[in-house]
Amino acid sequence: MLNSLLVQQYAFQPDLSDITRLTGNIAVSIRHQIDFAHLNDKQANNLSQAHQIISDAGDYWKHGSLRKQERNCPIRVAAAFEYAENGTFRFIRNIATLAHSSLGEHDFLTTSAEAARFWMSQHGFNVEWKGLPNSAPPIFEQSARLKFDPRYCINMSNTQIRFFKKISDGKLIPFDPPQVRFEVYE
């Protein structure tokens, strides 16, 4: 459900929406895999940085600011757009990010998939699952457009957007467009 919602061209409050709720709940679920393992937190963190990040995000989601400030890991949502040389924009997807105080910023889908694969291997599951994020259809528009839908975000006072540019090998890199046309509509 989360991956499907992220590819919808919706505007979200960065810190509170259905995206953050779903992301937080998934982080808590992955974090509690430790309860079914023969490892303690320190051992699991040493074996998998993804587990450590997801674990800290789950604890932060459940409890708020943590005693060890270096473990704080709030969840934020930003809309990602590709910028084309002709000045048009393509919505890629919304990105749920984990802003870890000491380990930096991470894409939730990528990090949670890595943590889930870690736990699948710890529990002896042999599953061929990549857990890769989806992308929206490649439609370029004159402006970076997002729709506000109160079903997924009851109230919105701001939204966050990021821009990327495709380089020769097809990889998207962060980019600061010379001019941005942005609109939110209902």
N, C-alpha and C. Protein backbone atom coordinates (compact mmCIF):
# COMPACT_ATOMS: atom_id res chain seq x y z
N MET A 1 0.83 -1.20 0.00
CA MET A 1 0.00 0.00 0.00
C MET A 1 0.87 1.26 0.00
N LEU A 2 1.92 1.29 0.83
CA LEU A 2 2.78 2.47 0.91
C LEU A 2 3.42 2.77 -0.44
N ASN A 3 4.00 1.77 -1.08
CA ASN A 3 4.67 1.98 -2.35
C ASN A 3 3.68 2.52 -3.40
N SER A 4 2.46 2.02 -3.38
CA SER A 4 1.43 2.49 -4.32
C SER A 4 1.03 3.93 -4.04
N LEU A 5 0.93 4.30 -2.77
CA LEU A 5 0.56 5.67 -2.41
C LEU A 5 1.68 6.66 -2.75
N LEU A 6 2.93 6.23 -2.63
CA LEU A 6 4.05 7.13 -2.91
C LEU A 6 4.10 7.57 -4.37
N VAL A 7 3.58 6.78 -5.29
CA VAL A 7 3.63 7.16 -6.71
C VAL A 7 2.43 7.99 -7.14
N GLN A 8 1.52 8.28 -6.20
CA GLN A 8 0.41 9.17 -6.50
C GLN A 8 0.91 10.61 -6.40
N GLN A 9 0.52 11.44 -7.31
CA GLN A 9 1.03 12.81 -7.40
C GLN A 9 0.32 13.73 -6.40
N TYR A 10 0.44 13.38 -5.12
CA TYR A 10 -0.21 14.11 -4.04
C TYR A 10 0.80 14.96 -3.27
N ALA A 11 0.30 16.05 -2.72
CA ALA A 11 1.08 16.90 -1.82
C ALA A 11 0.84 16.40 -0.40
N PHE A 12 1.91 16.32 0.38
CA PHE A 12 1.83 15.85 1.76
C PHE A 12 2.54 16.82 2.69
N GLN A 13 1.99 17.00 3.87
CA GLN A 13 2.69 17.69 4.95
C GLN A 13 3.93 16.84 5.23
N PRO A 14 5.13 17.42 5.25
CA PRO A 14 6.35 16.61 5.39
C PRO A 14 6.40 15.72 6.62
N ASP A 15 5.81 16.14 7.73
CA ASP A 15 5.97 15.40 8.97
C ASP A 15 4.71 14.71 9.48
N LEU A 16 3.57 14.86 8.79
CA LEU A 16 2.35 14.23 9.29
C LEU A 16 1.34 14.01 8.17
N SER A 17 1.20 12.75 7.78
CA SER A 17 0.25 12.37 6.73
C SER A 17 0.09 10.85 6.78
N ASP A 18 -0.70 10.31 5.88
CA ASP A 18 -0.81 8.86 5.79
C ASP A 18 0.54 8.23 5.47
N ILE A 19 1.36 8.93 4.71
CA ILE A 19 2.70 8.41 4.37
C ILE A 19 3.51 8.22 5.64
N THR A 20 3.59 9.24 6.48
CA THR A 20 4.39 9.12 7.69
C THR A 20 3.79 8.09 8.65
N ARG A 21 2.47 8.01 8.70
CA ARG A 21 1.81 7.01 9.56
C ARG A 21 2.16 5.60 9.10
N LEU A 22 2.02 5.33 7.81
CA LEU A 22 2.34 4.00 7.28
C LEU A 22 3.82 3.68 7.45
N THR A 23 4.67 4.66 7.15
CA THR A 23 6.11 4.47 7.27
C THR A 23 6.50 4.19 8.72
N GLY A 24 5.97 4.96 9.63
CA GLY A 24 6.26 4.75 11.05
C GLY A 24 5.83 3.37 11.53
N ASN A 25 4.65 2.95 11.12
CA ASN A 25 4.15 1.64 11.54
C ASN A 25 4.99 0.49 10.96
N ILE A 26 5.42 0.64 9.72
CA ILE A 26 6.29 -0.38 9.12
C ILE A 26 7.63 -0.42 9.84
N ALA A 27 8.18 0.76 10.15
CA ALA A 27 9.46 0.81 10.88
C ALA A 27 9.34 0.11 12.23
N VAL A 28 8.25 0.34 12.94
CA VAL A 28 8.04 -0.30 14.24
C VAL A 28 7.97 -1.83 14.06
N SER A 29 7.26 -2.28 13.04
CA SER A 29 7.14 -3.73 12.80
C SER A 29 8.49 -4.37 12.50
N ILE A 30 9.28 -3.72 11.64
CA ILE A 30 10.61 -4.26 11.33
C ILE A 30 11.48 -4.19 12.57
N ARG A 31 11.40 -3.12 13.31
CA ARG A 31 12.20 -2.94 14.52
C ARG A 31 11.97 -4.09 15.51
N HIS A 32 10.73 -4.56 15.59
CA HIS A 32 10.40 -5.60 16.56
C HIS A 32 10.73 -7.02 16.09
N GLN A 33 11.37 -7.16 14.95
CA GLN A 33 11.86 -8.48 14.55
C GLN A 33 12.92 -8.98 15.53
N ILE A 34 13.56 -8.06 16.21
CA ILE A 34 14.55 -8.42 17.23
C ILE A 34 13.93 -9.29 18.32
N ASP A 35 12.63 -9.12 18.55
CA ASP A 35 11.92 -9.89 19.58
C ASP A 35 11.86 -11.38 19.24
N PHE A 36 12.07 -11.73 17.98
CA PHE A 36 11.97 -13.12 17.53
C PHE A 36 13.33 -13.69 17.13
N ALA A 37 14.40 -13.03 17.55
CA ALA A 37 15.75 -13.42 17.12
C ALA A 37 16.61 -13.82 18.31
N HIS A 38 17.73 -14.42 17.99
CA HIS A 38 18.72 -14.78 19.01
C HIS A 38 19.80 -13.72 19.07
N LEU A 39 19.48 -12.52 18.66
CA LEU A 39 20.41 -11.39 18.68
C LEU A 39 19.88 -10.33 19.62
N ASN A 40 20.78 -9.52 20.17
CA ASN A 40 20.33 -8.34 20.88
C ASN A 40 20.46 -7.14 19.93
N ASP A 41 19.99 -5.98 20.35
CA ASP A 41 20.02 -4.80 19.49
C ASP A 41 21.43 -4.47 19.01
N LYS A 42 22.39 -4.51 19.91
CA LYS A 42 23.77 -4.15 19.54
C LYS A 42 24.31 -5.10 18.48
N GLN A 43 24.07 -6.39 18.62
CA GLN A 43 24.53 -7.36 17.63
C GLN A 43 23.85 -7.11 16.28
N ALA A 44 22.54 -6.90 16.30
CA ALA A 44 21.81 -6.66 15.05
C ALA A 44 22.30 -5.37 14.38
N ASN A 45 22.53 -4.33 15.17
CA ASN A 45 23.03 -3.07 14.61
C ASN A 45 24.40 -3.24 13.98
N ASN A 46 25.26 -4.06 14.59
CA ASN A 46 26.58 -4.32 14.03
C ASN A 46 26.52 -5.11 12.73
N LEU A 47 25.51 -5.96 12.60
CA LEU A 47 25.35 -6.77 11.40
C LEU A 47 24.64 -6.04 10.26
N SER A 48 23.81 -5.06 10.61
CA SER A 48 23.01 -4.38 9.59
C SER A 48 22.76 -2.92 9.96
N GLN A 49 23.39 -2.01 9.22
CA GLN A 49 23.14 -0.60 9.46
C GLN A 49 21.70 -0.25 9.12
N ALA A 50 21.13 -0.93 8.12
CA ALA A 50 19.72 -0.68 7.77
C ALA A 50 18.82 -1.00 8.96
N HIS A 51 19.10 -2.12 9.66
CA HIS A 51 18.31 -2.43 10.85
C HIS A 51 18.45 -1.32 11.89
N GLN A 52 19.66 -0.82 12.08
CA GLN A 52 19.88 0.24 13.08
C GLN A 52 19.07 1.48 12.73
N ILE A 53 19.08 1.88 11.48
CA ILE A 53 18.34 3.07 11.05
C ILE A 53 16.84 2.87 11.23
N ILE A 54 16.34 1.72 10.78
CA ILE A 54 14.90 1.42 10.89
C ILE A 54 14.51 1.29 12.36
N SER A 55 15.36 0.67 13.16
CA SER A 55 15.11 0.52 14.59
C SER A 55 14.98 1.89 15.27
N ASP A 56 15.91 2.78 14.96
CA ASP A 56 15.86 4.12 15.54
C ASP A 56 14.65 4.89 15.04
N ALA A 57 14.29 4.72 13.76
CA ALA A 57 13.09 5.39 13.22
C ALA A 57 11.84 4.87 13.92
N GLY A 58 11.76 3.55 14.14
CA GLY A 58 10.61 2.97 14.83
C GLY A 58 10.50 3.47 16.26
N ASP A 59 11.64 3.52 16.95
CA ASP A 59 11.62 4.02 18.33
C ASP A 59 11.23 5.49 18.38
N TYR A 60 11.77 6.28 17.44
CA TYR A 60 11.44 7.71 17.39
C TYR A 60 9.95 7.89 17.09
N TRP A 61 9.42 7.09 16.16
CA TRP A 61 8.01 7.19 15.80
C TRP A 61 7.11 6.89 17.01
N LYS A 62 7.47 5.85 17.77
CA LYS A 62 6.65 5.45 18.92
C LYS A 62 6.79 6.39 20.12
N HIS A 63 8.02 6.87 20.37
CA HIS A 63 8.29 7.55 21.63
C HIS A 63 8.63 9.03 21.50
N GLY A 64 8.84 9.53 20.30
CA GLY A 64 9.30 10.91 20.14
C GLY A 64 10.80 11.00 20.37
N SER A 65 11.27 12.16 20.71
CA SER A 65 12.71 12.38 20.88
C SER A 65 13.30 11.38 21.88
N LEU A 66 14.42 10.77 21.50
CA LEU A 66 15.04 9.72 22.30
C LEU A 66 16.11 10.30 23.23
N ARG A 67 16.38 9.60 24.33
CA ARG A 67 17.40 10.06 25.28
C ARG A 67 18.75 10.24 24.61
N LYS A 68 19.15 9.28 23.80
CA LYS A 68 20.40 9.40 23.04
C LYS A 68 20.07 10.15 21.76
N GLN A 69 20.34 11.44 21.76
CA GLN A 69 19.98 12.31 20.64
C GLN A 69 20.52 11.81 19.30
N GLU A 70 21.66 11.14 19.31
CA GLU A 70 22.27 10.65 18.07
C GLU A 70 21.44 9.53 17.42
N ARG A 71 20.43 9.01 18.14
CA ARG A 71 19.54 7.98 17.58
C ARG A 71 18.27 8.56 16.97
N ASN A 72 17.99 9.84 17.21
CA ASN A 72 16.75 10.42 16.68
C ASN A 72 16.69 10.26 15.17
N CYS A 73 15.52 9.86 14.69
CA CYS A 73 15.37 9.56 13.27
C CYS A 73 13.94 9.89 12.82
N PRO A 74 13.62 11.18 12.66
CA PRO A 74 12.27 11.53 12.21
C PRO A 74 12.03 11.14 10.76
N ILE A 75 10.77 10.95 10.45
CA ILE A 75 10.32 10.58 9.11
C ILE A 75 9.77 11.83 8.44
N ARG A 76 10.19 12.07 7.21
CA ARG A 76 9.72 13.22 6.43
C ARG A 76 9.32 12.74 5.03
N VAL A 77 8.44 13.49 4.38
CA VAL A 77 8.02 13.16 3.02
C VAL A 77 8.32 14.34 2.12
N ALA A 78 8.87 14.05 0.95
CA ALA A 78 9.14 15.07 -0.06
C ALA A 78 8.74 14.54 -1.43
N ALA A 79 8.19 15.40 -2.26
CA ALA A 79 7.85 15.03 -3.63
C ALA A 79 9.09 15.19 -4.50
N ALA A 80 9.39 14.18 -5.29
CA ALA A 80 10.57 14.20 -6.17
C ALA A 80 10.14 14.42 -7.62
N PHE A 81 10.80 15.36 -8.26
CA PHE A 81 10.53 15.68 -9.67
C PHE A 81 11.81 15.60 -10.47
N GLU A 82 11.69 15.13 -11.70
CA GLU A 82 12.80 15.19 -12.64
C GLU A 82 12.66 16.48 -13.44
N TYR A 83 13.77 17.17 -13.62
CA TYR A 83 13.80 18.39 -14.42
C TYR A 83 14.42 18.06 -15.77
N ALA A 84 13.76 18.48 -16.86
CA ALA A 84 14.29 18.27 -18.21
C ALA A 84 14.87 19.58 -18.73
N GLU A 85 15.81 19.47 -19.65
CA GLU A 85 16.48 20.64 -20.22
C GLU A 85 15.52 21.64 -20.84
N ASN A 86 14.37 21.18 -21.33
CA ASN A 86 13.40 22.10 -21.94
C ASN A 86 12.55 22.84 -20.90
N GLY A 87 12.90 22.68 -19.60
CA GLY A 87 12.20 23.40 -18.54
C GLY A 87 10.93 22.75 -18.06
N THR A 88 10.71 21.47 -18.40
CA THR A 88 9.53 20.77 -17.93
C THR A 88 9.88 19.87 -16.74
N PHE A 89 8.83 19.40 -16.07
CA PHE A 89 9.01 18.62 -14.85
C PHE A 89 8.20 17.34 -14.93
N ARG A 90 8.78 16.28 -14.39
CA ARG A 90 8.09 14.98 -14.32
C ARG A 90 8.06 14.53 -12.86
N PHE A 91 6.88 14.26 -12.35
CA PHE A 91 6.75 13.70 -11.01
C PHE A 91 7.33 12.29 -11.03
N ILE A 92 8.26 12.02 -10.12
CA ILE A 92 8.85 10.68 -10.02
C ILE A 92 8.08 9.87 -8.98
N ARG A 93 8.07 10.36 -7.75
CA ARG A 93 7.34 9.74 -6.65
C ARG A 93 7.55 10.60 -5.42
N ASN A 94 6.75 10.35 -4.40
CA ASN A 94 7.01 10.92 -3.08
C ASN A 94 8.04 10.03 -2.41
N ILE A 95 8.95 10.64 -1.70
CA ILE A 95 10.01 9.90 -1.03
C ILE A 95 9.84 10.08 0.48
N ALA A 96 9.69 8.96 1.18
CA ALA A 96 9.69 8.99 2.64
C ALA A 96 11.15 8.88 3.05
N THR A 97 11.65 9.90 3.74
CA THR A 97 13.05 9.90 4.15
C THR A 97 13.17 9.74 5.66
N LEU A 98 14.26 9.13 6.04
CA LEU A 98 14.61 8.97 7.45
C LEU A 98 15.80 9.89 7.70
N ALA A 99 15.59 10.90 8.52
CA ALA A 99 16.63 11.90 8.81
C ALA A 99 17.33 11.50 10.10
N HIS A 100 18.24 10.54 10.01
CA HIS A 100 18.93 10.01 11.19
C HIS A 100 19.98 11.01 11.67
N SER A 101 19.96 11.30 12.97
CA SER A 101 20.84 12.33 13.54
C SER A 101 22.32 12.06 13.31
N SER A 102 22.74 10.81 13.35
CA SER A 102 24.17 10.52 13.20
C SER A 102 24.52 9.73 11.95
N LEU A 103 23.53 9.11 11.29
CA LEU A 103 23.82 8.30 10.11
C LEU A 103 23.31 8.92 8.81
N GLY A 104 22.81 10.15 8.87
CA GLY A 104 22.41 10.87 7.67
C GLY A 104 21.01 10.53 7.19
N GLU A 105 20.71 11.01 5.99
CA GLU A 105 19.38 10.85 5.41
C GLU A 105 19.33 9.61 4.53
N HIS A 106 18.21 8.87 4.63
CA HIS A 106 18.05 7.62 3.89
C HIS A 106 16.64 7.52 3.34
N ASP A 107 16.51 6.93 2.16
CA ASP A 107 15.21 6.65 1.56
C ASP A 107 14.60 5.48 2.34
N PHE A 108 13.40 5.69 2.87
CA PHE A 108 12.77 4.66 3.69
C PHE A 108 12.57 3.36 2.93
N LEU A 109 12.07 3.42 1.68
CA LEU A 109 11.78 2.18 0.96
C LEU A 109 13.04 1.35 0.76
N THR A 110 14.12 1.98 0.38
CA THR A 110 15.37 1.27 0.15
C THR A 110 15.92 0.69 1.46
N THR A 111 15.93 1.51 2.50
CA THR A 111 16.49 1.09 3.79
C THR A 111 15.62 0.01 4.45
N SER A 112 14.31 0.17 4.40
CA SER A 112 13.44 -0.83 5.01
C SER A 112 13.51 -2.15 4.25
N ALA A 113 13.65 -2.10 2.92
CA ALA A 113 13.80 -3.34 2.14
C ALA A 113 15.08 -4.06 2.54
N GLU A 114 16.16 -3.30 2.73
CA GLU A 114 17.43 -3.90 3.15
C GLU A 114 17.30 -4.51 4.55
N ALA A 115 16.64 -3.79 5.46
CA ALA A 115 16.44 -4.32 6.81
C ALA A 115 15.54 -5.56 6.78
N ALA A 116 14.51 -5.56 5.96
CA ALA A 116 13.63 -6.72 5.85
C ALA A 116 14.39 -7.92 5.29
N ARG A 117 15.25 -7.70 4.28
CA ARG A 117 16.06 -8.80 3.75
C ARG A 117 17.01 -9.34 4.82
N PHE A 118 17.57 -8.45 5.65
CA PHE A 118 18.42 -8.88 6.75
C PHE A 118 17.66 -9.82 7.67
N TRP A 119 16.43 -9.42 8.06
CA TRP A 119 15.65 -10.25 8.97
C TRP A 119 15.17 -11.53 8.31
N MET A 120 14.87 -11.50 7.02
CA MET A 120 14.49 -12.73 6.33
C MET A 120 15.64 -13.73 6.36
N SER A 121 16.88 -13.23 6.15
CA SER A 121 18.03 -14.14 6.19
C SER A 121 18.27 -14.63 7.62
N GLN A 122 18.08 -13.77 8.62
CA GLN A 122 18.25 -14.18 10.02
C GLN A 122 17.25 -15.26 10.42
N HIS A 123 16.04 -15.19 9.87
CA HIS A 123 15.00 -16.16 10.20
C HIS A 123 15.02 -17.37 9.26
N GLY A 124 15.97 -17.39 8.32
CA GLY A 124 16.12 -18.53 7.43
C GLY A 124 15.16 -18.58 6.26
N PHE A 125 14.55 -17.46 5.93
CA PHE A 125 13.65 -17.41 4.78
C PHE A 125 14.47 -17.20 3.51
N ASN A 126 14.17 -17.97 2.49
CA ASN A 126 14.84 -17.84 1.21
C ASN A 126 13.83 -17.31 0.21
N VAL A 127 13.71 -15.97 0.16
CA VAL A 127 12.70 -15.31 -0.66
C VAL A 127 13.39 -14.44 -1.70
N GLU A 128 12.96 -14.56 -2.94
CA GLU A 128 13.48 -13.70 -4.01
C GLU A 128 12.62 -12.45 -4.07
N TRP A 129 12.97 -11.45 -3.30
CA TRP A 129 12.20 -10.21 -3.21
C TRP A 129 13.17 -9.05 -3.25
N LYS A 130 12.96 -8.13 -4.15
CA LYS A 130 13.87 -7.00 -4.29
C LYS A 130 13.43 -5.81 -3.44
N GLY A 131 12.13 -5.59 -3.32
CA GLY A 131 11.63 -4.48 -2.52
C GLY A 131 12.02 -3.13 -3.08
N LEU A 132 11.94 -2.96 -4.39
CA LEU A 132 12.34 -1.71 -5.02
C LEU A 132 11.18 -0.72 -5.11
N PRO A 133 11.46 0.58 -5.01
CA PRO A 133 10.39 1.58 -5.12
C PRO A 133 9.85 1.67 -6.55
N ASN A 134 8.56 1.96 -6.64
CA ASN A 134 7.91 2.21 -7.93
C ASN A 134 8.14 3.66 -8.34
N SER A 135 7.91 3.95 -9.62
CA SER A 135 7.94 5.32 -10.12
C SER A 135 6.64 5.61 -10.84
N ALA A 136 6.27 6.88 -10.86
CA ALA A 136 5.07 7.32 -11.58
C ALA A 136 5.35 7.25 -13.09
N PRO A 137 4.31 7.26 -13.92
CA PRO A 137 4.51 7.27 -15.38
C PRO A 137 5.34 8.49 -15.81
N PRO A 138 6.15 8.35 -16.85
CA PRO A 138 7.03 9.45 -17.28
C PRO A 138 6.31 10.52 -18.11
N ILE A 139 5.55 11.36 -17.43
CA ILE A 139 4.80 12.43 -18.09
C ILE A 139 5.39 13.77 -17.65
N PHE A 140 5.91 14.53 -18.61
CA PHE A 140 6.49 15.84 -18.31
C PHE A 140 5.42 16.91 -18.47
N GLU A 141 5.44 17.90 -17.55
CA GLU A 141 4.48 18.99 -17.57
C GLU A 141 5.21 20.32 -17.46
N GLN A 142 4.52 21.41 -17.72
CA GLN A 142 5.12 22.74 -17.67
C GLN A 142 5.46 23.19 -16.25
N SER A 143 4.83 22.57 -15.26
CA SER A 143 5.11 22.93 -13.87
C SER A 143 5.17 21.66 -13.03
N ALA A 144 5.81 21.77 -11.89
CA ALA A 144 5.82 20.68 -10.92
C ALA A 144 4.48 20.77 -10.19
N ARG A 145 3.61 19.82 -10.43
CA ARG A 145 2.24 19.88 -9.92
C ARG A 145 1.98 18.76 -8.93
N LEU A 146 1.27 19.12 -7.86
CA LEU A 146 0.83 18.15 -6.86
C LEU A 146 -0.62 18.41 -6.52
N LYS A 147 -1.34 17.36 -6.25
CA LYS A 147 -2.74 17.48 -5.86
C LYS A 147 -2.85 17.32 -4.35
N PHE A 148 -3.64 18.20 -3.72
CA PHE A 148 -3.93 18.04 -2.29
C PHE A 148 -5.19 17.21 -2.16
N ASP A 149 -5.10 16.13 -1.39
CA ASP A 149 -6.25 15.27 -1.16
C ASP A 149 -6.38 15.04 0.35
N PRO A 150 -7.40 15.60 0.98
CA PRO A 150 -7.54 15.49 2.44
C PRO A 150 -7.75 14.06 2.93
N ARG A 151 -7.99 13.10 2.04
CA ARG A 151 -8.10 11.70 2.48
C ARG A 151 -6.76 11.18 3.02
N TYR A 152 -5.65 11.75 2.53
CA TYR A 152 -4.33 11.24 2.88
C TYR A 152 -3.53 12.20 3.75
N CYS A 153 -3.99 13.43 3.82
CA CYS A 153 -3.31 14.45 4.62
C CYS A 153 -4.38 15.46 5.02
N ILE A 154 -4.86 15.37 6.25
CA ILE A 154 -6.01 16.15 6.68
C ILE A 154 -5.76 17.64 6.58
N ASN A 155 -4.60 18.08 7.00
CA ASN A 155 -4.28 19.50 7.01
C ASN A 155 -2.86 19.66 6.49
N MET A 156 -2.64 20.68 5.68
CA MET A 156 -1.30 20.87 5.14
C MET A 156 -0.96 22.35 5.17
N SER A 157 0.11 22.69 5.88
CA SER A 157 0.57 24.08 5.90
C SER A 157 1.79 24.27 5.00
N ASN A 158 2.47 23.16 4.66
CA ASN A 158 3.60 23.24 3.73
C ASN A 158 3.84 21.87 3.12
N THR A 159 4.64 21.84 2.11
CA THR A 159 5.05 20.59 1.47
C THR A 159 6.50 20.76 1.05
N GLN A 160 7.17 19.65 0.84
CA GLN A 160 8.57 19.71 0.47
C GLN A 160 8.74 19.08 -0.91
N ILE A 161 9.54 19.73 -1.76
CA ILE A 161 9.81 19.19 -3.09
C ILE A 161 11.32 19.12 -3.32
N ARG A 162 11.72 18.16 -4.13
CA ARG A 162 13.12 17.98 -4.50
C ARG A 162 13.19 17.78 -6.00
N PHE A 163 14.28 18.22 -6.56
CA PHE A 163 14.45 18.10 -8.00
C PHE A 163 15.68 17.27 -8.34
N PHE A 164 15.56 16.53 -9.44
CA PHE A 164 16.63 15.67 -9.92
C PHE A 164 16.78 15.88 -11.42
N LYS A 165 17.95 15.57 -11.92
CA LYS A 165 18.23 15.65 -13.35
C LYS A 165 18.85 14.33 -13.78
N LYS A 166 18.42 13.84 -14.94
CA LYS A 166 18.95 12.58 -15.46
C LYS A 166 20.29 12.87 -16.14
N ILE A 167 21.30 12.08 -15.80
CA ILE A 167 22.62 12.23 -16.44
C ILE A 167 22.77 11.16 -17.51
N SER A 168 23.87 11.17 -18.21
CA SER A 168 24.07 10.33 -19.40
C SER A 168 23.83 8.84 -19.17
N ASP A 169 24.15 8.33 -18.00
CA ASP A 169 23.95 6.90 -17.75
C ASP A 169 22.53 6.57 -17.29
N GLY A 170 21.64 7.56 -17.29
CA GLY A 170 20.25 7.36 -16.89
C GLY A 170 19.99 7.53 -15.41
N LYS A 171 21.04 7.75 -14.65
CA LYS A 171 20.91 7.93 -13.20
C LYS A 171 20.38 9.34 -12.91
N LEU A 172 19.54 9.45 -11.88
CA LEU A 172 19.02 10.74 -11.44
C LEU A 172 19.89 11.27 -10.31
N ILE A 173 20.31 12.53 -10.44
CA ILE A 173 21.11 13.17 -9.40
C ILE A 173 20.38 14.43 -8.92
N PRO A 174 20.58 14.83 -7.66
CA PRO A 174 19.96 16.07 -7.18
C PRO A 174 20.36 17.24 -8.06
N PHE A 175 19.41 18.16 -8.28
CA PHE A 175 19.64 19.27 -9.20
C PHE A 175 18.83 20.48 -8.74
N ASP A 176 19.40 21.65 -8.93
CA ASP A 176 18.72 22.90 -8.60
C ASP A 176 18.34 23.58 -9.91
N PRO A 177 17.07 23.47 -10.34
CA PRO A 177 16.66 24.05 -11.63
C PRO A 177 16.84 25.57 -11.64
N PRO A 178 17.13 26.14 -12.82
CA PRO A 178 17.28 27.59 -12.90
C PRO A 178 15.97 28.34 -12.62
N GLN A 179 14.86 27.68 -12.90
CA GLN A 179 13.55 28.28 -12.64
C GLN A 179 12.58 27.16 -12.28
N VAL A 180 11.73 27.42 -11.29
CA VAL A 180 10.75 26.41 -10.86
C VAL A 180 9.36 27.00 -10.96
N ARG A 181 8.49 26.26 -11.61
CA ARG A 181 7.07 26.56 -11.62
C ARG A 181 6.41 25.43 -10.84
N PHE A 182 5.76 25.81 -9.72
CA PHE A 182 5.19 24.81 -8.83
C PHE A 182 3.75 25.18 -8.50
N GLU A 183 2.88 24.18 -8.48
CA GLU A 183 1.49 24.43 -8.12
C GLU A 183 0.88 23.25 -7.37
N VAL A 184 0.03 23.57 -6.43
CA VAL A 184 -0.75 22.58 -5.70
C VAL A 184 -2.20 22.87 -6.03
N TYR A 185 -2.94 21.85 -6.41
CA TYR A 185 -4.35 22.03 -6.77
C TYR A 185 -5.20 21.01 -6.03
N GLU A 186 -6.49 21.27 -5.98
CA GLU A 186 -7.43 20.32 -5.36
C GLU A 186 -8.25 19.65 -6.43
